[in-house]
Amino acid sequence: MDQVCDPARLLELHKRLLKGDRTASEEIASLLLSPLANRICRKFPFTDEQIVADGVTDAVLDYCENPQKFDATRGVPLDGFIHMAARRNVSNLLRGEKRRRVREEKYGLAGLESYVELSGSAGNLLQKDNKKIQVQRPQVEALTILKDKKDQQIHELRLQGERRTQIFAQVLQIDHLPTEVQRREVKRAKDRIDKVLERYKRSQ
């Protein structure tokens, strides 16, 4: 496995981190985030770059928060250790993304069936207003199921195909924070929204 940084330098930063030197985490992140993202992109050439960035960022941040997980005596360099964690993260994110698409397709189908049923029962009344009112179920769903306005905005942006972290960060009002922190918080918000929608689906 090719190295992305001098192993000795990383080991020194690792020791500093174990001693509680929080500035070491910033140095590790600046050294590893971009090179690891490039390596993971080569492993997942057809994967959205945002998913790769999220997976790598989470791996680096998780290590920085729990540096004791890395055992230097096992012969695996620190960048290799984080690289393996990043690959697992990306694989998990891809599976989660697939499940999310399936859920959204089911929601869309349910919305279409409800609209057809409503059209049949309302008859002429709906036909008169049909040209003025267009029911967009994803937006209605966001307003009725998701109570938090920021969650509603994030959900609607996702349905529109938005993937840029900075756009979601602006909604969450965290765009002033470091990029890796933005990615982590945006991911948490997306996961929270998915769980709310999943609970709603199960309750139906």
C-alpha atoms as a PDB file:
ATOM      1  CA  MET A   1       0.000   0.000   0.000  1.00  0.00           C
ATOM      2  CA  ASP A   2       1.508   3.343  -1.061  1.00  0.00           C
ATOM      3  CA  GLN A   3       2.183   5.893   1.654  1.00  0.00           C
ATOM      4  CA  VAL A   4       0.559   9.336   1.582  1.00  0.00           C
ATOM      5  CA  CYS A   5       2.807  10.801   4.284  1.00  0.00           C
ATOM      6  CA  ASP A   6       6.045  10.126   6.097  1.00  0.00           C
ATOM      7  CA  PRO A   7       5.233   7.321   8.608  1.00  0.00           C
ATOM      8  CA  ALA A   8       7.664   8.757  11.146  1.00  0.00           C
ATOM      9  CA  ARG A   9       5.985  12.164  10.988  1.00  0.00           C
ATOM     10  CA  LEU A  10       2.564  10.586  11.457  1.00  0.00           C
ATOM     11  CA  LEU A  11       3.804   8.478  14.352  1.00  0.00           C
ATOM     12  CA  GLU A  12       5.161  11.583  16.048  1.00  0.00           C
ATOM     13  CA  LEU A  13       1.788  13.315  15.619  1.00  0.00           C
ATOM     14  CA  HIS A  14       0.061  10.193  16.934  1.00  0.00           C
ATOM     15  CA  LYS A  15       2.143  10.291  20.119  1.00  0.00           C
ATOM     16  CA  ARG A  16       1.342  13.982  20.568  1.00  0.00           C
ATOM     17  CA  LEU A  17      -2.346  13.244  20.142  1.00  0.00           C
ATOM     18  CA  LEU A  18      -2.204  10.493  22.761  1.00  0.00           C
ATOM     19  CA  LYS A  19      -0.690  13.017  25.170  1.00  0.00           C
ATOM     20  CA  GLY A  20      -3.640  15.326  24.647  1.00  0.00           C
ATOM     21  CA  ASP A  21      -2.106  17.734  22.142  1.00  0.00           C
ATOM     22  CA  ARG A  22      -5.236  18.735  20.190  1.00  0.00           C
ATOM     23  CA  THR A  23      -3.230  20.751  17.654  1.00  0.00           C
ATOM     24  CA  ALA A  24      -1.880  17.429  16.413  1.00  0.00           C
ATOM     25  CA  SER A  25      -5.339  16.532  15.083  1.00  0.00           C
ATOM     26  CA  GLU A  26      -5.355  19.613  12.853  1.00  0.00           C
ATOM     27  CA  GLU A  27      -1.959  18.692  11.441  1.00  0.00           C
ATOM     28  CA  ILE A  28      -3.042  15.097  10.839  1.00  0.00           C
ATOM     29  CA  ALA A  29      -6.207  16.239   9.089  1.00  0.00           C
ATOM     30  CA  SER A  30      -4.315  18.680   6.855  1.00  0.00           C
ATOM     31  CA  LEU A  31      -1.813  15.966   5.944  1.00  0.00           C
ATOM     32  CA  LEU A  32      -4.234  13.120   5.280  1.00  0.00           C
ATOM     33  CA  LEU A  33      -7.639  14.366   4.145  1.00  0.00           C
ATOM     34  CA  SER A  34      -6.811  15.257   0.554  1.00  0.00           C
ATOM     35  CA  PRO A  35      -4.343  12.409  -0.205  1.00  0.00           C
ATOM     36  CA  LEU A  36      -6.632   9.792   1.306  1.00  0.00           C
ATOM     37  CA  ALA A  37      -9.617  11.152  -0.609  1.00  0.00           C
ATOM     38  CA  ASN A  38      -7.639  10.822  -3.833  1.00  0.00           C
ATOM     39  CA  ARG A  39      -6.706   7.225  -3.008  1.00  0.00           C
ATOM     40  CA  ILE A  40     -10.270   6.290  -2.109  1.00  0.00           C
ATOM     41  CA  CYS A  41     -11.532   7.885  -5.334  1.00  0.00           C
ATOM     42  CA  ARG A  42      -9.260   5.501  -7.234  1.00  0.00           C
ATOM     43  CA  LYS A  43     -10.782   2.584  -5.330  1.00  0.00           C
ATOM     44  CA  PHE A  44     -14.322   3.833  -6.016  1.00  0.00           C
ATOM     45  CA  PRO A  45     -13.981   5.511  -9.437  1.00  0.00           C
ATOM     46  CA  PHE A  46     -17.723   5.785 -10.088  1.00  0.00           C
ATOM     47  CA  THR A  47     -18.693   7.053  -6.647  1.00  0.00           C
ATOM     48  CA  ASP A  48     -19.859  10.576  -5.896  1.00  0.00           C
ATOM     49  CA  GLU A  49     -16.911  12.601  -4.597  1.00  0.00           C
ATOM     50  CA  GLN A  50     -19.011  13.900  -1.694  1.00  0.00           C
ATOM     51  CA  ILE A  51     -19.572  10.368  -0.426  1.00  0.00           C
ATOM     52  CA  VAL A  52     -15.836   9.732  -0.597  1.00  0.00           C
ATOM     53  CA  ALA A  53     -15.107  13.002   1.195  1.00  0.00           C
ATOM     54  CA  ASP A  54     -17.618  12.161   3.933  1.00  0.00           C
ATOM     55  CA  GLY A  55     -16.138   8.689   4.416  1.00  0.00           C
ATOM     56  CA  VAL A  56     -12.570   9.950   4.614  1.00  0.00           C
ATOM     57  CA  THR A  57     -13.455  12.879   6.889  1.00  0.00           C
ATOM     58  CA  ASP A  58     -15.330  10.626   9.295  1.00  0.00           C
ATOM     59  CA  ALA A  59     -12.386   8.206   9.388  1.00  0.00           C
ATOM     60  CA  VAL A  60      -9.889  10.967  10.183  1.00  0.00           C
ATOM     61  CA  LEU A  61     -12.131  12.610  12.774  1.00  0.00           C
ATOM     62  CA  ASP A  62     -12.946   9.286  14.417  1.00  0.00           C
ATOM     63  CA  TYR A  63      -9.243   8.520  14.755  1.00  0.00           C
ATOM     64  CA  CYS A  64      -8.492  11.986  16.141  1.00  0.00           C
ATOM     65  CA  GLU A  65     -11.240  11.558  18.739  1.00  0.00           C
ATOM     66  CA  ASN A  66     -10.091   8.031  19.595  1.00  0.00           C
ATOM     67  CA  PRO A  67      -6.348   7.802  18.812  1.00  0.00           C
ATOM     68  CA  GLN A  68      -5.960   4.829  21.176  1.00  0.00           C
ATOM     69  CA  LYS A  69      -7.663   2.671  18.540  1.00  0.00           C
ATOM     70  CA  PHE A  70      -4.442   2.748  16.515  1.00  0.00           C
ATOM     71  CA  ASP A  71      -1.815   0.234  17.607  1.00  0.00           C
ATOM     72  CA  ALA A  72       1.562   1.181  16.150  1.00  0.00           C
ATOM     73  CA  THR A  73       3.046  -2.201  17.154  1.00  0.00           C
ATOM     74  CA  ARG A  74       0.973  -4.091  14.586  1.00  0.00           C
ATOM     75  CA  GLY A  75       3.117  -2.872  11.706  1.00  0.00           C
ATOM     76  CA  VAL A  76       0.353  -0.985   9.900  1.00  0.00           C
ATOM     77  CA  PRO A  77       1.223   2.698   9.310  1.00  0.00           C
ATOM     78  CA  LEU A  78      -1.230   5.301  10.553  1.00  0.00           C
ATOM     79  CA  ASP A  79      -2.282   6.413   7.074  1.00  0.00           C
ATOM     80  CA  GLY A  80      -2.937   2.774   6.182  1.00  0.00           C
ATOM     81  CA  PHE A  81      -5.035   2.334   9.321  1.00  0.00           C
ATOM     82  CA  ILE A  82      -7.165   5.392   8.525  1.00  0.00           C
ATOM     83  CA  HIS A  83      -7.316   4.398   4.856  1.00  0.00           C
ATOM     84  CA  MET A  84      -8.925   1.066   5.757  1.00  0.00           C
ATOM     85  CA  ALA A  85     -11.434   2.835   8.004  1.00  0.00           C
ATOM     86  CA  ALA A  86     -12.233   5.296   5.213  1.00  0.00           C
ATOM     87  CA  ARG A  87     -12.868   2.459   2.758  1.00  0.00           C
ATOM     88  CA  ARG A  88     -15.273   0.840   5.204  1.00  0.00           C
ATOM     89  CA  ASN A  89     -17.022   4.158   5.710  1.00  0.00           C
ATOM     90  CA  VAL A  90     -17.471   4.722   1.993  1.00  0.00           C
ATOM     91  CA  SER A  91     -18.793   1.188   1.511  1.00  0.00           C
ATOM     92  CA  ASN A  92     -21.292   1.748   4.331  1.00  0.00           C
ATOM     93  CA  LEU A  93     -22.312   5.130   2.920  1.00  0.00           C
ATOM     94  CA  LEU A  94     -22.897   3.590  -0.493  1.00  0.00           C
ATOM     95  CA  ARG A  95     -25.154   0.956   1.023  1.00  0.00           C
ATOM     96  CA  GLY A  96     -26.987   3.662   2.961  1.00  0.00           C
ATOM     97  CA  GLU A  97     -27.364   5.762  -0.186  1.00  0.00           C
ATOM     98  CA  LYS A  98     -28.853   2.795  -2.005  1.00  0.00           C
ATOM     99  CA  ARG A  99     -31.351   2.216   0.809  1.00  0.00           C
ATOM    100  CA  ARG A 100     -32.232   5.928   0.795  1.00  0.00           C
ATOM    101  CA  ARG A 101     -32.967   5.855  -2.942  1.00  0.00           C
ATOM    102  CA  VAL A 102     -35.192   2.819  -2.467  1.00  0.00           C
ATOM    103  CA  ARG A 103     -37.069   4.609   0.323  1.00  0.00           C
ATOM    104  CA  GLU A 104     -37.550   7.719  -1.788  1.00  0.00           C
ATOM    105  CA  GLU A 105     -38.828   5.640  -4.686  1.00  0.00           C
ATOM    106  CA  LYS A 106     -41.323   3.984  -2.338  1.00  0.00           C
ATOM    107  CA  TYR A 107     -42.397   7.362  -0.977  1.00  0.00           C
ATOM    108  CA  GLY A 108     -42.874   8.636  -4.516  1.00  0.00           C
ATOM    109  CA  LEU A 109     -44.945   5.590  -5.467  1.00  0.00           C
ATOM    110  CA  ALA A 110     -47.086   5.938  -2.344  1.00  0.00           C
ATOM    111  CA  GLY A 111     -47.627   9.597  -3.170  1.00  0.00           C
ATOM    112  CA  LEU A 112     -48.712   8.758  -6.707  1.00  0.00           C
ATOM    113  CA  GLU A 113     -51.179   6.131  -5.466  1.00  0.00           C
ATOM    114  CA  SER A 114     -52.630   8.584  -2.936  1.00  0.00           C
ATOM    115  CA  TYR A 115     -53.001  11.225  -5.623  1.00  0.00           C
ATOM    116  CA  VAL A 116     -54.800   8.825  -7.948  1.00  0.00           C
ATOM    117  CA  GLU A 117     -57.172   7.791  -5.170  1.00  0.00           C
ATOM    118  CA  LEU A 118     -57.832  11.403  -4.256  1.00  0.00           C
ATOM    119  CA  SER A 119     -58.441  12.345  -7.881  1.00  0.00           C
ATOM    120  CA  GLY A 120     -60.978   9.559  -8.267  1.00  0.00           C
ATOM    121  CA  SER A 121     -62.919  10.497  -5.156  1.00  0.00           C
ATOM    122  CA  ALA A 122     -62.879  14.252  -5.639  1.00  0.00           C
ATOM    123  CA  GLY A 123     -63.836  14.110  -9.303  1.00  0.00           C
ATOM    124  CA  ASN A 124     -64.786  17.387 -10.889  1.00  0.00           C
ATOM    125  CA  LEU A 125     -63.755  19.499  -7.885  1.00  0.00           C
ATOM    126  CA  LEU A 126     -60.102  18.642  -8.330  1.00  0.00           C
ATOM    127  CA  GLN A 127     -60.296  18.873 -12.105  1.00  0.00           C
ATOM    128  CA  LYS A 128     -61.301  22.553 -11.818  1.00  0.00           C
ATOM    129  CA  ASP A 129     -58.300  23.373  -9.664  1.00  0.00           C
ATOM    130  CA  ASN A 130     -55.861  21.012 -11.360  1.00  0.00           C
ATOM    131  CA  LYS A 131     -54.341  23.722 -13.536  1.00  0.00           C
ATOM    132  CA  LYS A 132     -53.767  26.048 -10.583  1.00  0.00           C
ATOM    133  CA  ILE A 133     -52.506  23.591  -7.970  1.00  0.00           C
ATOM    134  CA  GLN A 134     -49.767  21.051  -8.546  1.00  0.00           C
ATOM    135  CA  VAL A 135     -49.248  18.739  -5.603  1.00  0.00           C
ATOM    136  CA  GLN A 136     -45.543  18.061  -5.133  1.00  0.00           C
ATOM    137  CA  ARG A 137     -45.512  15.266  -2.622  1.00  0.00           C
ATOM    138  CA  PRO A 138     -41.835  15.455  -1.600  1.00  0.00           C
ATOM    139  CA  GLN A 139     -42.303  19.080  -0.513  1.00  0.00           C
ATOM    140  CA  VAL A 140     -45.549  18.324   1.294  1.00  0.00           C
ATOM    141  CA  GLU A 141     -43.862  15.358   2.970  1.00  0.00           C
ATOM    142  CA  ALA A 142     -41.028  17.570   4.174  1.00  0.00           C
ATOM    143  CA  LEU A 143     -43.450  20.063   5.671  1.00  0.00           C
ATOM    144  CA  THR A 144     -45.665  17.525   7.408  1.00  0.00           C
ATOM    145  CA  ILE A 145     -43.211  14.883   8.619  1.00  0.00           C
ATOM    146  CA  LEU A 146     -40.158  17.032   9.338  1.00  0.00           C
ATOM    147  CA  LYS A 147     -40.917  19.689  11.941  1.00  0.00           C
ATOM    148  CA  ASP A 148     -37.592  21.529  11.941  1.00  0.00           C
ATOM    149  CA  LYS A 149     -37.351  24.143   9.175  1.00  0.00           C
ATOM    150  CA  LYS A 150     -33.683  23.421   8.563  1.00  0.00           C
ATOM    151  CA  ASP A 151     -34.440  19.713   8.166  1.00  0.00           C
ATOM    152  CA  GLN A 152     -37.186  20.593   5.688  1.00  0.00           C
ATOM    153  CA  GLN A 153     -34.781  22.684   3.623  1.00  0.00           C
ATOM    154  CA  ILE A 154     -32.092  19.987   3.677  1.00  0.00           C
ATOM    155  CA  HIS A 155     -34.615  17.319   2.680  1.00  0.00           C
ATOM    156  CA  GLU A 156     -35.873  19.389  -0.238  1.00  0.00           C
ATOM    157  CA  LEU A 157     -32.337  20.141  -1.406  1.00  0.00           C
ATOM    158  CA  ARG A 158     -31.559  16.412  -1.408  1.00  0.00           C
ATOM    159  CA  LEU A 159     -34.674  15.675  -3.428  1.00  0.00           C
ATOM    160  CA  GLN A 160     -33.503  18.274  -5.921  1.00  0.00           C
ATOM    161  CA  GLY A 161     -30.202  16.407  -6.262  1.00  0.00           C
ATOM    162  CA  GLU A 162     -28.035  18.857  -4.314  1.00  0.00           C
ATOM    163  CA  ARG A 163     -24.829  17.273  -2.990  1.00  0.00           C
ATOM    164  CA  ARG A 164     -22.529  20.189  -2.178  1.00  0.00           C
ATOM    165  CA  THR A 165     -21.593  20.291   1.488  1.00  0.00           C
ATOM    166  CA  GLN A 166     -21.300  24.073   1.544  1.00  0.00           C
ATOM    167  CA  ILE A 167     -24.943  24.495   0.498  1.00  0.00           C
ATOM    168  CA  PHE A 168     -26.173  22.290   3.344  1.00  0.00           C
ATOM    169  CA  ALA A 169     -23.732  24.001   5.714  1.00  0.00           C
ATOM    170  CA  GLN A 170     -25.303  27.359   4.882  1.00  0.00           C
ATOM    171  CA  VAL A 171     -28.735  25.977   5.791  1.00  0.00           C
ATOM    172  CA  LEU A 172     -27.339  24.706   9.100  1.00  0.00           C
ATOM    173  CA  GLN A 173     -25.523  28.027   9.599  1.00  0.00           C
ATOM    174  CA  ILE A 174     -22.182  26.282  10.103  1.00  0.00           C
ATOM    175  CA  ASP A 175     -20.475  27.445   6.901  1.00  0.00           C
ATOM    176  CA  HIS A 176     -17.994  29.407   9.038  1.00  0.00           C
ATOM    177  CA  LEU A 177     -16.601  26.165  10.510  1.00  0.00           C
ATOM    178  CA  PRO A 178     -13.728  24.086   9.029  1.00  0.00           C
ATOM    179  CA  THR A 179     -14.721  22.030   6.001  1.00  0.00           C
ATOM    180  CA  GLU A 180     -14.234  18.673   7.725  1.00  0.00           C
ATOM    181  CA  VAL A 181     -16.497  19.775  10.574  1.00  0.00           C
ATOM    182  CA  GLN A 182     -19.119  20.965   8.093  1.00  0.00           C
ATOM    183  CA  ARG A 183     -19.088  17.573   6.389  1.00  0.00           C
ATOM    184  CA  ARG A 184     -19.516  15.728   9.650  1.00  0.00           C
ATOM    185  CA  GLU A 185     -22.412  17.923  10.807  1.00  0.00           C
ATOM    186  CA  VAL A 186     -24.121  17.787   7.414  1.00  0.00           C
ATOM    187  CA  LYS A 187     -23.863  14.010   7.461  1.00  0.00           C
ATOM    188  CA  ARG A 188     -25.381  13.899  10.941  1.00  0.00           C
ATOM    189  CA  ALA A 189     -28.272  16.072   9.783  1.00  0.00           C
ATOM    190  CA  LYS A 190     -28.900  13.832   6.774  1.00  0.00           C
ATOM    191  CA  ASP A 191     -28.785  10.712   8.926  1.00  0.00           C
ATOM    192  CA  ARG A 192     -31.217  12.271  11.393  1.00  0.00           C
ATOM    193  CA  ILE A 193     -33.653  13.124   8.603  1.00  0.00           C
ATOM    194  CA  ASP A 194     -33.404   9.612   7.174  1.00  0.00           C
ATOM    195  CA  LYS A 195     -34.238   8.141  10.576  1.00  0.00           C
ATOM    196  CA  VAL A 196     -37.291  10.394  10.943  1.00  0.00           C
ATOM    197  CA  LEU A 197     -38.572   9.376   7.518  1.00  0.00           C
ATOM    198  CA  GLU A 198     -37.843   5.735   8.220  1.00  0.00           C
ATOM    199  CA  ARG A 199     -39.828   5.870  11.473  1.00  0.00           C
ATOM    200  CA  TYR A 200     -42.693   7.543   9.613  1.00  0.00           C
ATOM    201  CA  LYS A 201     -42.628   4.841   6.953  1.00  0.00           C
ATOM    202  CA  ARG A 202     -42.753   2.073   9.565  1.00  0.00           C
ATOM    203  CA  SER A 203     -45.686   3.705  11.326  1.00  0.00           C
ATOM    204  CA  GLN A 204     -47.823   3.662   8.194  1.00  0.00           C
END
